[in-house]
Amino acid sequence: MCAGPIDGTVWISRAQGACRGKPVHPECEKKDQAATAQRRAAKKEAKTNRPLSLVEENWLLLARQDQIREQRRARSAPE
């Protein structure tokens, strides 16, 4: 990633794109993994802050209905 010579421990890049699978410095890989983790966290936070779509609302409603059905079956089942 930084194109410098690699001495000592060599890691294999897990980054996306042309550098994937190439040898990299451990420090460079750790920086890339930290940046990736930040992007994923920001994406997850943005996803939780937006309003639900109609499809997502329906999924939640159907899942809740299934839970209620299971609770009723458990209550009415003979012991």
Protein backbone atom coordinates (compact mmCIF):
# COMPACT_ATOMS: atom_id res chain seq x y z
CA MET A 1 0.00 0.00 0.00
CA CYS A 2 2.78 2.43 0.86
CA ALA A 3 5.12 0.88 -1.78
CA GLY A 4 8.04 0.81 0.65
CA PRO A 5 10.32 -2.22 1.03
CA ILE A 6 9.01 -4.82 3.47
CA ASP A 7 11.45 -6.10 6.10
CA GLY A 8 10.53 -8.60 8.80
CA THR A 9 6.92 -9.66 9.22
CA VAL A 10 4.81 -9.59 6.07
CA TRP A 11 1.03 -9.47 6.11
CA ILE A 12 -1.31 -10.17 3.22
CA SER A 13 -3.65 -7.31 2.41
CA ARG A 14 -7.37 -7.87 2.95
CA ALA A 15 -8.30 -4.51 1.42
CA GLN A 16 -10.61 -4.31 -1.56
CA GLY A 17 -9.25 -3.57 -5.00
CA ALA A 18 -5.97 -4.17 -6.76
CA CYS A 19 -3.91 -4.41 -3.55
CA ARG A 20 -5.97 -7.33 -2.16
CA GLY A 21 -3.81 -10.40 -1.52
CA LYS A 22 -0.53 -8.51 -1.93
CA PRO A 23 2.14 -8.35 0.81
CA VAL A 24 1.95 -5.25 3.02
CA HIS A 25 3.52 -3.86 6.19
CA PRO A 26 1.67 -4.77 9.39
CA GLU A 27 1.28 -1.05 10.19
CA CYS A 28 -0.25 -0.31 6.79
CA GLU A 29 -2.73 -3.18 7.13
CA LYS A 30 -3.72 -2.08 10.64
CA LYS A 31 -4.33 1.48 9.38
CA ASP A 32 -6.48 0.15 6.56
CA GLN A 33 -8.44 -2.12 8.92
CA ALA A 34 -9.05 0.82 11.29
CA ALA A 35 -10.30 2.97 8.42
CA THR A 36 -12.57 0.15 7.25
CA ALA A 37 -13.96 -0.28 10.77
CA GLN A 38 -14.71 3.46 10.94
CA ARG A 39 -16.52 3.36 7.58
CA ARG A 40 -18.59 0.36 8.68
CA ALA A 41 -19.49 2.03 11.99
CA ALA A 42 -20.51 5.23 10.20
CA LYS A 43 -22.60 3.23 7.73
CA LYS A 44 -24.28 1.29 10.54
CA GLU A 45 -25.03 4.51 12.44
CA ALA A 46 -26.46 6.16 9.33
CA LYS A 47 -28.63 3.10 8.76
CA THR A 48 -30.05 3.25 12.29
CA ASN A 49 -30.79 6.98 12.08
CA ARG A 50 -32.95 6.82 8.96
CA PRO A 51 -36.69 6.09 9.00
CA LEU A 52 -37.74 2.55 8.18
CA SER A 53 -38.98 1.73 4.72
CA LEU A 54 -42.40 0.16 4.26
CA VAL A 55 -40.81 -3.22 3.58
CA GLU A 56 -38.77 -3.03 6.80
CA GLU A 57 -41.85 -2.00 8.78
CA ASN A 58 -43.75 -4.96 7.35
CA TRP A 59 -40.91 -7.34 8.28
CA LEU A 60 -40.99 -6.07 11.85
CA LEU A 61 -44.78 -6.36 12.04
CA LEU A 62 -44.76 -9.89 10.66
CA ALA A 63 -42.00 -10.92 13.05
CA ARG A 64 -43.98 -9.51 15.99
CA GLN A 65 -47.10 -11.38 14.83
CA ASP A 66 -45.08 -14.62 14.73
CA GLN A 67 -43.87 -13.99 18.29
CA ILE A 68 -47.43 -13.41 19.50
CA ARG A 69 -48.61 -16.63 17.78
CA GLU A 70 -45.83 -18.62 19.43
CA GLN A 71 -46.67 -17.16 22.84
CA ARG A 72 -50.36 -18.06 22.38
CA ARG A 73 -49.48 -21.60 21.27
CA ALA A 74 -47.23 -22.01 24.30
CA ARG A 75 -49.96 -20.78 26.66
CA SER A 76 -52.69 -22.95 25.14
CA ALA A 77 -50.59 -26.10 24.81
CA PRO A 78 -51.54 -28.86 27.27
CA GLU A 79 -48.90 -29.54 29.89
